[in-house]
């Protein structure tokens, strides 16, 4: 039996899907991944533009349909496995997928990992999730982290009636593209941002006192006060990148204060989820 968290709302407006895929930057030489392919509605459109499409479908029922629909198509690689535990291509690739909404964070984390060769992704996601990743209304920890290496924008709002079953939330198309000059020390930046966002202090300046020298703090404090930056989410991503340059120059002792903080934070969060799931089952 397939875990309920892998179920999804399938997109049924084929005409609109065709228009969307025709409008994006796909080439015959591209490797494109479809996650949660279902019966292959998206896969069918992708193979019209690309010679190397990889379609993941975990549910055996849908995978059987996929095999029948693409048995004579040698441009498609079908994988009846969990995308989250699969090995990503070791060459540049793109993603176009209507993913299970409950797995949005896990999927985005995987395709944006340090060694990922992702060039561009188009994901059907819940509007609320897209806002968190793009930082449209307020910078978040994840939007700040990803903005160092990726551009994230919403390119389309979908009609709920075009999904089966019809979702009770708004769905949008989230575009993720790799920047031309991404932050080279992405893991350290990720640790730095996670540390800043998860300290319990009266203000973000109190956190910065642990990460910057006295002389650096004079200029940072002045800028925070001038712009009214009091908490981590007040600070624009661009300014984080600016002060991160100074942090990197501060030496090993400063780096040790944040080293591995992202992984510790994720493991702690997963531990809480496990406890909550156990309580629910009980």
C-alpha atoms as a PDB file:
ATOM      1  CA  UNK A   1       0.000   0.000   0.000  1.00  0.00           C
ATOM      2  CA  UNK A   2       1.241   3.489  -0.881  1.00  0.00           C
ATOM      3  CA  UNK A   3       1.604   5.895   2.029  1.00  0.00           C
ATOM      4  CA  UNK A   4      -1.114   8.577   1.951  1.00  0.00           C
ATOM      5  CA  UNK A   5       1.526  11.309   1.915  1.00  0.00           C
ATOM      6  CA  UNK A   6       2.480  10.294  -1.633  1.00  0.00           C
ATOM      7  CA  UNK A   7      -1.010  10.841  -3.069  1.00  0.00           C
ATOM      8  CA  UNK A   8      -1.587  13.914  -5.197  1.00  0.00           C
ATOM      9  CA  UNK A   9      -4.042  16.060  -7.152  1.00  0.00           C
ATOM     10  CA  UNK A  10      -3.626  15.278 -10.842  1.00  0.00           C
ATOM     11  CA  UNK A  11      -3.775  18.096 -13.393  1.00  0.00           C
ATOM     12  CA  UNK A  12      -6.436  17.511 -16.060  1.00  0.00           C
ATOM     13  CA  UNK A  13      -6.313  20.578 -18.336  1.00  0.00           C
ATOM     14  CA  UNK A  14      -4.218  19.116 -21.159  1.00  0.00           C
ATOM     15  CA  UNK A  15      -4.587  22.134 -23.457  1.00  0.00           C
ATOM     16  CA  UNK A  16      -3.249  24.487 -20.819  1.00  0.00           C
ATOM     17  CA  UNK A  17      -0.494  22.033 -19.878  1.00  0.00           C
ATOM     18  CA  UNK A  18       0.585  21.887 -23.525  1.00  0.00           C
ATOM     19  CA  UNK A  19       0.743  25.701 -23.700  1.00  0.00           C
ATOM     20  CA  UNK A  20       2.819  25.921 -20.524  1.00  0.00           C
ATOM     21  CA  UNK A  21       5.372  23.335 -21.618  1.00  0.00           C
ATOM     22  CA  UNK A  22       5.651  24.890 -25.076  1.00  0.00           C
ATOM     23  CA  UNK A  23       6.374  28.279 -23.465  1.00  0.00           C
ATOM     24  CA  UNK A  24       9.267  27.203 -21.247  1.00  0.00           C
ATOM     25  CA  UNK A  25      12.909  26.760 -22.154  1.00  0.00           C
ATOM     26  CA  UNK A  26      13.113  23.074 -23.152  1.00  0.00           C
ATOM     27  CA  UNK A  27      15.431  21.587 -25.774  1.00  0.00           C
ATOM     28  CA  UNK A  28      15.781  18.148 -27.310  1.00  0.00           C
ATOM     29  CA  UNK A  29      19.117  17.609 -25.539  1.00  0.00           C
ATOM     30  CA  UNK A  30      17.695  18.342 -22.080  1.00  0.00           C
ATOM     31  CA  UNK A  31      17.307  15.713 -19.386  1.00  0.00           C
ATOM     32  CA  UNK A  32      13.948  16.387 -17.726  1.00  0.00           C
ATOM     33  CA  UNK A  33      12.471  14.693 -14.652  1.00  0.00           C
ATOM     34  CA  UNK A  34       8.759  14.176 -14.003  1.00  0.00           C
ATOM     35  CA  UNK A  35       8.105  13.366 -10.324  1.00  0.00           C
ATOM     36  CA  UNK A  36       4.856  11.582  -9.502  1.00  0.00           C
ATOM     37  CA  UNK A  37       4.073  10.957 -13.163  1.00  0.00           C
ATOM     38  CA  UNK A  38       0.756   9.186 -12.569  1.00  0.00           C
ATOM     39  CA  UNK A  39      -0.613   7.981 -15.915  1.00  0.00           C
ATOM     40  CA  UNK A  40       1.906  10.143 -17.783  1.00  0.00           C
ATOM     41  CA  UNK A  41      -0.080  13.252 -18.723  1.00  0.00           C
ATOM     42  CA  UNK A  42       2.935  15.524 -18.179  1.00  0.00           C
ATOM     43  CA  UNK A  43       5.430  12.940 -19.440  1.00  0.00           C
ATOM     44  CA  UNK A  44       3.501  12.744 -22.711  1.00  0.00           C
ATOM     45  CA  UNK A  45       4.016  16.481 -23.318  1.00  0.00           C
ATOM     46  CA  UNK A  46       7.662  16.484 -22.200  1.00  0.00           C
ATOM     47  CA  UNK A  47       8.703  13.803 -24.703  1.00  0.00           C
ATOM     48  CA  UNK A  48       7.516  16.061 -27.531  1.00  0.00           C
ATOM     49  CA  UNK A  49      10.354  18.446 -26.660  1.00  0.00           C
ATOM     50  CA  UNK A  50      13.074  16.351 -24.978  1.00  0.00           C
ATOM     51  CA  UNK A  51      14.885  13.156 -25.900  1.00  0.00           C
ATOM     52  CA  UNK A  52      15.668  12.149 -22.330  1.00  0.00           C
ATOM     53  CA  UNK A  53      12.728  12.168 -19.905  1.00  0.00           C
ATOM     54  CA  UNK A  54      12.864  10.355 -16.560  1.00  0.00           C
ATOM     55  CA  UNK A  55       9.433   9.639 -15.054  1.00  0.00           C
ATOM     56  CA  UNK A  56       9.096   8.571 -11.415  1.00  0.00           C
ATOM     57  CA  UNK A  57       5.940   6.862 -10.181  1.00  0.00           C
ATOM     58  CA  UNK A  58       5.838   4.941  -6.909  1.00  0.00           C
ATOM     59  CA  UNK A  59       2.282   3.583  -7.093  1.00  0.00           C
ATOM     60  CA  UNK A  60       2.334   0.176  -8.908  1.00  0.00           C
ATOM     61  CA  UNK A  61      -1.164   0.780 -10.281  1.00  0.00           C
ATOM     62  CA  UNK A  62      -0.130   3.973 -12.090  1.00  0.00           C
ATOM     63  CA  UNK A  63       3.253   2.565 -13.014  1.00  0.00           C
ATOM     64  CA  UNK A  64       1.585  -0.281 -14.916  1.00  0.00           C
ATOM     65  CA  UNK A  65      -0.348   2.327 -16.914  1.00  0.00           C
ATOM     66  CA  UNK A  66       2.867   4.267 -17.563  1.00  0.00           C
ATOM     67  CA  UNK A  67       4.552   1.164 -18.925  1.00  0.00           C
ATOM     68  CA  UNK A  68       1.658   0.517 -21.294  1.00  0.00           C
ATOM     69  CA  UNK A  69       1.506   4.141 -22.456  1.00  0.00           C
ATOM     70  CA  UNK A  70       5.245   4.421 -23.143  1.00  0.00           C
ATOM     71  CA  UNK A  71       6.248   0.856 -24.021  1.00  0.00           C
ATOM     72  CA  UNK A  72       7.376   1.881 -27.513  1.00  0.00           C
ATOM     73  CA  UNK A  73       8.929   5.214 -26.541  1.00  0.00           C
ATOM     74  CA  UNK A  74      12.691   4.930 -26.045  1.00  0.00           C
ATOM     75  CA  UNK A  75      13.128   8.550 -24.972  1.00  0.00           C
ATOM     76  CA  UNK A  76      11.455   7.838 -21.600  1.00  0.00           C
ATOM     77  CA  UNK A  77      13.051   6.100 -18.631  1.00  0.00           C
ATOM     78  CA  UNK A  78      10.363   4.854 -16.225  1.00  0.00           C
ATOM     79  CA  UNK A  79      11.258   4.368 -12.589  1.00  0.00           C
ATOM     80  CA  UNK A  80       8.946   2.643 -10.124  1.00  0.00           C
ATOM     81  CA  UNK A  81      10.760   3.992  -7.090  1.00  0.00           C
ATOM     82  CA  UNK A  82      10.758   6.736  -4.495  1.00  0.00           C
ATOM     83  CA  UNK A  83      12.279   9.867  -6.006  1.00  0.00           C
ATOM     84  CA  UNK A  84      13.489  10.982  -2.575  1.00  0.00           C
ATOM     85  CA  UNK A  85      15.789   7.966  -2.243  1.00  0.00           C
ATOM     86  CA  UNK A  86      16.866   7.894  -5.887  1.00  0.00           C
ATOM     87  CA  UNK A  87      20.165   9.072  -7.344  1.00  0.00           C
ATOM     88  CA  UNK A  88      20.002  12.344  -9.228  1.00  0.00           C
ATOM     89  CA  UNK A  89      21.610  12.665 -12.683  1.00  0.00           C
ATOM     90  CA  UNK A  90      25.333  13.444 -12.582  1.00  0.00           C
ATOM     91  CA  UNK A  91      24.832  15.889 -15.433  1.00  0.00           C
ATOM     92  CA  UNK A  92      22.692  19.017 -15.772  1.00  0.00           C
ATOM     93  CA  UNK A  93      18.979  18.346 -15.617  1.00  0.00           C
ATOM     94  CA  UNK A  94      15.602  20.068 -15.380  1.00  0.00           C
ATOM     95  CA  UNK A  95      12.376  19.194 -13.579  1.00  0.00           C
ATOM     96  CA  UNK A  96       8.769  19.683 -14.619  1.00  0.00           C
ATOM     97  CA  UNK A  97       6.358  17.992 -12.249  1.00  0.00           C
ATOM     98  CA  UNK A  98       3.048  18.104 -10.462  1.00  0.00           C
ATOM     99  CA  UNK A  99       4.424  16.771  -7.186  1.00  0.00           C
ATOM    100  CA  UNK A 100       2.612  15.425  -4.113  1.00  0.00           C
ATOM    101  CA  UNK A 101       2.072  18.653  -2.155  1.00  0.00           C
ATOM    102  CA  UNK A 102       2.941  17.039   1.187  1.00  0.00           C
ATOM    103  CA  UNK A 103       6.430  16.300  -0.141  1.00  0.00           C
ATOM    104  CA  UNK A 104       7.185  19.808  -1.431  1.00  0.00           C
ATOM    105  CA  UNK A 105       9.901  20.555   1.130  1.00  0.00           C
ATOM    106  CA  UNK A 106      11.581  17.164   0.753  1.00  0.00           C
ATOM    107  CA  UNK A 107      11.638  17.367  -3.039  1.00  0.00           C
ATOM    108  CA  UNK A 108      12.941  20.939  -3.176  1.00  0.00           C
ATOM    109  CA  UNK A 109      15.603  20.114  -0.581  1.00  0.00           C
ATOM    110  CA  UNK A 110      16.757  17.182  -2.698  1.00  0.00           C
ATOM    111  CA  UNK A 111      16.983  18.975  -6.039  1.00  0.00           C
ATOM    112  CA  UNK A 112      18.768  21.986  -4.512  1.00  0.00           C
ATOM    113  CA  UNK A 113      21.349  20.032  -2.505  1.00  0.00           C
ATOM    114  CA  UNK A 114      24.974  21.113  -2.780  1.00  0.00           C
ATOM    115  CA  UNK A 115      26.002  18.576  -5.407  1.00  0.00           C
ATOM    116  CA  UNK A 116      22.784  18.808  -7.445  1.00  0.00           C
ATOM    117  CA  UNK A 117      23.135  19.594 -11.162  1.00  0.00           C
ATOM    118  CA  UNK A 118      19.709  21.239 -11.322  1.00  0.00           C
ATOM    119  CA  UNK A 119      19.452  23.981 -13.939  1.00  0.00           C
ATOM    120  CA  UNK A 120      15.742  24.756 -13.791  1.00  0.00           C
ATOM    121  CA  UNK A 121      12.586  23.356 -12.192  1.00  0.00           C
ATOM    122  CA  UNK A 122       8.877  23.964 -12.632  1.00  0.00           C
ATOM    123  CA  UNK A 123       6.823  22.569  -9.761  1.00  0.00           C
ATOM    124  CA  UNK A 124       3.084  22.555  -9.087  1.00  0.00           C
ATOM    125  CA  UNK A 125       2.885  23.591  -5.420  1.00  0.00           C
ATOM    126  CA  UNK A 126       0.431  25.068  -2.963  1.00  0.00           C
ATOM    127  CA  UNK A 127       0.399  28.865  -3.064  1.00  0.00           C
ATOM    128  CA  UNK A 128       1.256  29.106   0.623  1.00  0.00           C
ATOM    129  CA  UNK A 129       4.362  26.967   0.098  1.00  0.00           C
ATOM    130  CA  UNK A 130       5.419  29.070  -2.892  1.00  0.00           C
ATOM    131  CA  UNK A 131       5.175  32.224  -0.789  1.00  0.00           C
ATOM    132  CA  UNK A 132       7.428  30.667   1.836  1.00  0.00           C
ATOM    133  CA  UNK A 133      10.041  29.666  -0.742  1.00  0.00           C
ATOM    134  CA  UNK A 134      10.010  32.935  -2.659  1.00  0.00           C
ATOM    135  CA  UNK A 135       9.807  35.183   0.403  1.00  0.00           C
ATOM    136  CA  UNK A 136       7.187  37.269  -1.406  1.00  0.00           C
ATOM    137  CA  UNK A 137       5.647  38.857   1.673  1.00  0.00           C
ATOM    138  CA  UNK A 138       8.313  38.095   4.248  1.00  0.00           C
ATOM    139  CA  UNK A 139      11.777  36.592   4.087  1.00  0.00           C
ATOM    140  CA  UNK A 140      11.904  33.108   5.536  1.00  0.00           C
ATOM    141  CA  UNK A 141      14.798  30.896   6.483  1.00  0.00           C
ATOM    142  CA  UNK A 142      14.412  28.727   3.373  1.00  0.00           C
ATOM    143  CA  UNK A 143      13.860  31.619   0.941  1.00  0.00           C
ATOM    144  CA  UNK A 144      16.981  33.326   2.284  1.00  0.00           C
ATOM    145  CA  UNK A 145      19.055  30.145   1.982  1.00  0.00           C
ATOM    146  CA  UNK A 146      17.975  29.305  -1.557  1.00  0.00           C
ATOM    147  CA  UNK A 147      18.263  32.873  -2.841  1.00  0.00           C
ATOM    148  CA  UNK A 148      22.046  32.555  -2.552  1.00  0.00           C
ATOM    149  CA  UNK A 149      22.085  30.076  -5.438  1.00  0.00           C
ATOM    150  CA  UNK A 150      18.637  30.136  -7.068  1.00  0.00           C
ATOM    151  CA  UNK A 151      15.992  32.503  -8.383  1.00  0.00           C
ATOM    152  CA  UNK A 152      12.499  31.493  -7.287  1.00  0.00           C
ATOM    153  CA  UNK A 153       9.334  33.016  -8.730  1.00  0.00           C
ATOM    154  CA  UNK A 154       5.693  32.082  -9.273  1.00  0.00           C
ATOM    155  CA  UNK A 155       4.952  32.023 -13.000  1.00  0.00           C
ATOM    156  CA  UNK A 156       1.320  30.887 -13.060  1.00  0.00           C
ATOM    157  CA  UNK A 157      -1.817  30.577 -10.925  1.00  0.00           C
ATOM    158  CA  UNK A 158      -3.915  27.491 -11.645  1.00  0.00           C
ATOM    159  CA  UNK A 159      -7.662  26.992 -11.599  1.00  0.00           C
ATOM    160  CA  UNK A 160      -8.533  24.552  -8.817  1.00  0.00           C
ATOM    161  CA  UNK A 161     -11.173  22.955 -11.033  1.00  0.00           C
ATOM    162  CA  UNK A 162      -8.421  21.698 -13.351  1.00  0.00           C
ATOM    163  CA  UNK A 163      -7.275  19.182 -10.738  1.00  0.00           C
ATOM    164  CA  UNK A 164      -8.656  15.806  -9.757  1.00  0.00           C
ATOM    165  CA  UNK A 165      -9.516  15.636  -6.959  1.00  0.00           C
ATOM    166  CA  UNK A 166     -10.182  19.375  -6.653  1.00  0.00           C
ATOM    167  CA  UNK A 167      -7.854  20.798  -3.956  1.00  0.00           C
ATOM    168  CA  UNK A 168      -9.138  23.048  -1.183  1.00  0.00           C
ATOM    169  CA  UNK A 169      -6.160  25.399  -1.584  1.00  0.00           C
ATOM    170  CA  UNK A 170      -4.755  27.499  -4.441  1.00  0.00           C
ATOM    171  CA  UNK A 171      -2.094  25.900  -6.642  1.00  0.00           C
ATOM    172  CA  UNK A 172       0.662  27.765  -8.508  1.00  0.00           C
ATOM    173  CA  UNK A 173       3.620  26.979 -10.748  1.00  0.00           C
ATOM    174  CA  UNK A 174       6.900  27.646  -8.951  1.00  0.00           C
ATOM    175  CA  UNK A 175       9.954  28.205 -11.121  1.00  0.00           C
ATOM    176  CA  UNK A 176      13.427  27.562  -9.667  1.00  0.00           C
ATOM    177  CA  UNK A 177      16.481  28.505 -11.734  1.00  0.00           C
ATOM    178  CA  UNK A 178      20.154  28.207 -10.859  1.00  0.00           C
ATOM    179  CA  UNK A 179      21.951  31.561 -10.685  1.00  0.00           C
ATOM    180  CA  UNK A 180      24.889  32.229 -12.981  1.00  0.00           C
ATOM    181  CA  UNK A 181      27.089  33.041 -10.001  1.00  0.00           C
ATOM    182  CA  UNK A 182      25.786  31.002  -7.062  1.00  0.00           C
ATOM    183  CA  UNK A 183      27.310  31.279  -3.606  1.00  0.00           C
ATOM    184  CA  UNK A 184      30.350  28.967  -3.673  1.00  0.00           C
ATOM    185  CA  UNK A 185      30.220  28.114   0.028  1.00  0.00           C
ATOM    186  CA  UNK A 186      26.553  27.157  -0.010  1.00  0.00           C
ATOM    187  CA  UNK A 187      26.720  24.751   2.945  1.00  0.00           C
ATOM    188  CA  UNK A 188      28.411  27.313   5.172  1.00  0.00           C
ATOM    189  CA  UNK A 189      25.890  29.978   4.088  1.00  0.00           C
ATOM    190  CA  UNK A 190      23.052  27.563   4.849  1.00  0.00           C
ATOM    191  CA  UNK A 191      24.496  26.941   8.323  1.00  0.00           C
ATOM    192  CA  UNK A 192      24.970  30.684   8.849  1.00  0.00           C
ATOM    193  CA  UNK A 193      21.373  31.548   7.940  1.00  0.00           C
ATOM    194  CA  UNK A 194      19.892  28.659   9.933  1.00  0.00           C
ATOM    195  CA  UNK A 195      21.884  29.758  12.981  1.00  0.00           C
ATOM    196  CA  UNK A 196      20.686  33.364  12.668  1.00  0.00           C
ATOM    197  CA  UNK A 197      17.020  32.406  12.229  1.00  0.00           C
ATOM    198  CA  UNK A 198      16.962  30.025  15.200  1.00  0.00           C
ATOM    199  CA  UNK A 199      18.574  31.980  18.023  1.00  0.00           C
ATOM    200  CA  UNK A 200      16.381  33.184  20.872  1.00  0.00           C
ATOM    201  CA  UNK A 201      17.466  36.768  21.332  1.00  0.00           C
ATOM    202  CA  UNK A 202      15.812  40.128  21.863  1.00  0.00           C
ATOM    203  CA  UNK A 203      17.020  41.228  18.432  1.00  0.00           C
ATOM    204  CA  UNK A 204      19.014  39.938  15.493  1.00  0.00           C
ATOM    205  CA  UNK A 205      21.861  42.239  16.524  1.00  0.00           C
ATOM    206  CA  UNK A 206      22.363  40.111  19.651  1.00  0.00           C
ATOM    207  CA  UNK A 207      22.899  37.106  17.402  1.00  0.00           C
ATOM    208  CA  UNK A 208      25.300  38.992  15.158  1.00  0.00           C
ATOM    209  CA  UNK A 209      27.436  39.829  18.200  1.00  0.00           C
ATOM    210  CA  UNK A 210      28.426  36.146  18.282  1.00  0.00           C
ATOM    211  CA  UNK A 211      29.351  36.036  14.599  1.00  0.00           C
ATOM    212  CA  UNK A 212      31.158  39.287  13.790  1.00  0.00           C
ATOM    213  CA  UNK A 213      34.095  41.278  15.085  1.00  0.00           C
ATOM    214  CA  UNK A 214      33.670  44.482  17.074  1.00  0.00           C
ATOM    215  CA  UNK A 215      34.593  46.673  14.092  1.00  0.00           C
ATOM    216  CA  UNK A 216      32.220  44.818  11.764  1.00  0.00           C
ATOM    217  CA  UNK A 217      29.398  45.170  14.257  1.00  0.00           C
ATOM    218  CA  UNK A 218      29.684  48.944  14.259  1.00  0.00           C
ATOM    219  CA  UNK A 219      28.714  49.099  10.597  1.00  0.00           C
ATOM    220  CA  UNK A 220      26.154  46.301  10.826  1.00  0.00           C
ATOM    221  CA  UNK A 221      24.451  47.905  13.820  1.00  0.00           C
ATOM    222  CA  UNK A 222      24.244  51.227  11.997  1.00  0.00           C
ATOM    223  CA  UNK A 223      22.609  49.578   8.974  1.00  0.00           C
ATOM    224  CA  UNK A 224      20.149  47.559  11.076  1.00  0.00           C
ATOM    225  CA  UNK A 225      19.061  50.659  12.956  1.00  0.00           C
ATOM    226  CA  UNK A 226      18.755  52.804   9.817  1.00  0.00           C
ATOM    227  CA  UNK A 227      16.538  50.235   8.067  1.00  0.00           C
ATOM    228  CA  UNK A 228      14.584  49.037  11.099  1.00  0.00           C
ATOM    229  CA  UNK A 229      15.851  45.459  10.909  1.00  0.00           C
ATOM    230  CA  UNK A 230      15.015  43.892  14.267  1.00  0.00           C
ATOM    231  CA  UNK A 231      14.378  40.221  13.548  1.00  0.00           C
ATOM    232  CA  UNK A 232      15.943  37.816  11.017  1.00  0.00           C
ATOM    233  CA  UNK A 233      13.007  37.989   8.590  1.00  0.00           C
ATOM    234  CA  UNK A 234      13.320  41.790   8.380  1.00  0.00           C
ATOM    235  CA  UNK A 235      16.660  41.524   6.616  1.00  0.00           C
ATOM    236  CA  UNK A 236      16.677  41.242   2.795  1.00  0.00           C
ATOM    237  CA  UNK A 237      18.478  38.270   1.276  1.00  0.00           C
ATOM    238  CA  UNK A 238      20.901  40.566  -0.535  1.00  0.00           C
ATOM    239  CA  UNK A 239      22.084  42.075   2.748  1.00  0.00           C
ATOM    240  CA  UNK A 240      22.628  38.621   4.235  1.00  0.00           C
ATOM    241  CA  UNK A 241      24.863  37.805   1.275  1.00  0.00           C
ATOM    242  CA  UNK A 242      26.748  41.046   1.813  1.00  0.00           C
ATOM    243  CA  UNK A 243      27.508  40.457   5.491  1.00  0.00           C
ATOM    244  CA  UNK A 244      28.244  36.784   4.830  1.00  0.00           C
ATOM    245  CA  UNK A 245      31.315  37.903   2.897  1.00  0.00           C
ATOM    246  CA  UNK A 246      32.624  39.487   6.096  1.00  0.00           C
ATOM    247  CA  UNK A 247      31.706  36.440   8.154  1.00  0.00           C
ATOM    248  CA  UNK A 248      33.693  34.146   5.852  1.00  0.00           C
ATOM    249  CA  UNK A 249      36.786  36.260   6.448  1.00  0.00           C
ATOM    250  CA  UNK A 250      36.571  35.975  10.234  1.00  0.00           C
ATOM    251  CA  UNK A 251      38.419  32.694  10.579  1.00  0.00           C
ATOM    252  CA  UNK A 252      37.884  29.163  11.869  1.00  0.00           C
ATOM    253  CA  UNK A 253      36.677  30.065  15.361  1.00  0.00           C
ATOM    254  CA  UNK A 254      33.741  32.031  13.985  1.00  0.00           C
ATOM    255  CA  UNK A 255      32.905  29.338  11.444  1.00  0.00           C
ATOM    256  CA  UNK A 256      32.800  26.690  14.148  1.00  0.00           C
ATOM    257  CA  UNK A 257      29.911  28.539  15.805  1.00  0.00           C
ATOM    258  CA  UNK A 258      27.607  27.772  12.881  1.00  0.00           C
ATOM    259  CA  UNK A 259      29.245  24.674  11.371  1.00  0.00           C
ATOM    260  CA  UNK A 260      26.714  21.869  10.900  1.00  0.00           C
ATOM    261  CA  UNK A 261      23.865  23.942  12.310  1.00  0.00           C
ATOM    262  CA  UNK A 262      21.542  23.287   9.361  1.00  0.00           C
ATOM    263  CA  UNK A 263      21.861  19.503   9.712  1.00  0.00           C
ATOM    264  CA  UNK A 264      21.299  19.695  13.470  1.00  0.00           C
ATOM    265  CA  UNK A 265      18.204  21.823  12.914  1.00  0.00           C
ATOM    266  CA  UNK A 266      16.773  19.417  10.307  1.00  0.00           C
ATOM    267  CA  UNK A 267      17.436  16.360  12.479  1.00  0.00           C
ATOM    268  CA  UNK A 268      15.783  18.060  15.445  1.00  0.00           C
ATOM    269  CA  UNK A 269      12.750  18.917  13.293  1.00  0.00           C
ATOM    270  CA  UNK A 270      12.515  15.334  11.993  1.00  0.00           C
ATOM    271  CA  UNK A 271      12.683  14.076  15.566  1.00  0.00           C
ATOM    272  CA  UNK A 272       9.700  16.220  16.509  1.00  0.00           C
ATOM    273  CA  UNK A 273       7.761  14.961  13.483  1.00  0.00           C
ATOM    274  CA  UNK A 274       8.447  11.360  14.515  1.00  0.00           C
ATOM    275  CA  UNK A 275       7.173  12.012  18.041  1.00  0.00           C
ATOM    276  CA  UNK A 276       4.040  13.708  16.716  1.00  0.00           C
ATOM    277  CA  UNK A 277       3.297  10.837  14.322  1.00  0.00           C
ATOM    278  CA  UNK A 278       3.669   8.349  17.186  1.00  0.00           C
ATOM    279  CA  UNK A 279       1.253  10.336  19.348  1.00  0.00           C
ATOM    280  CA  UNK A 280      -1.306  10.532  16.544  1.00  0.00           C
ATOM    281  CA  UNK A 281      -1.179   6.773  15.981  1.00  0.00           C
ATOM    282  CA  UNK A 282      -1.579   6.129  19.680  1.00  0.00           C
END
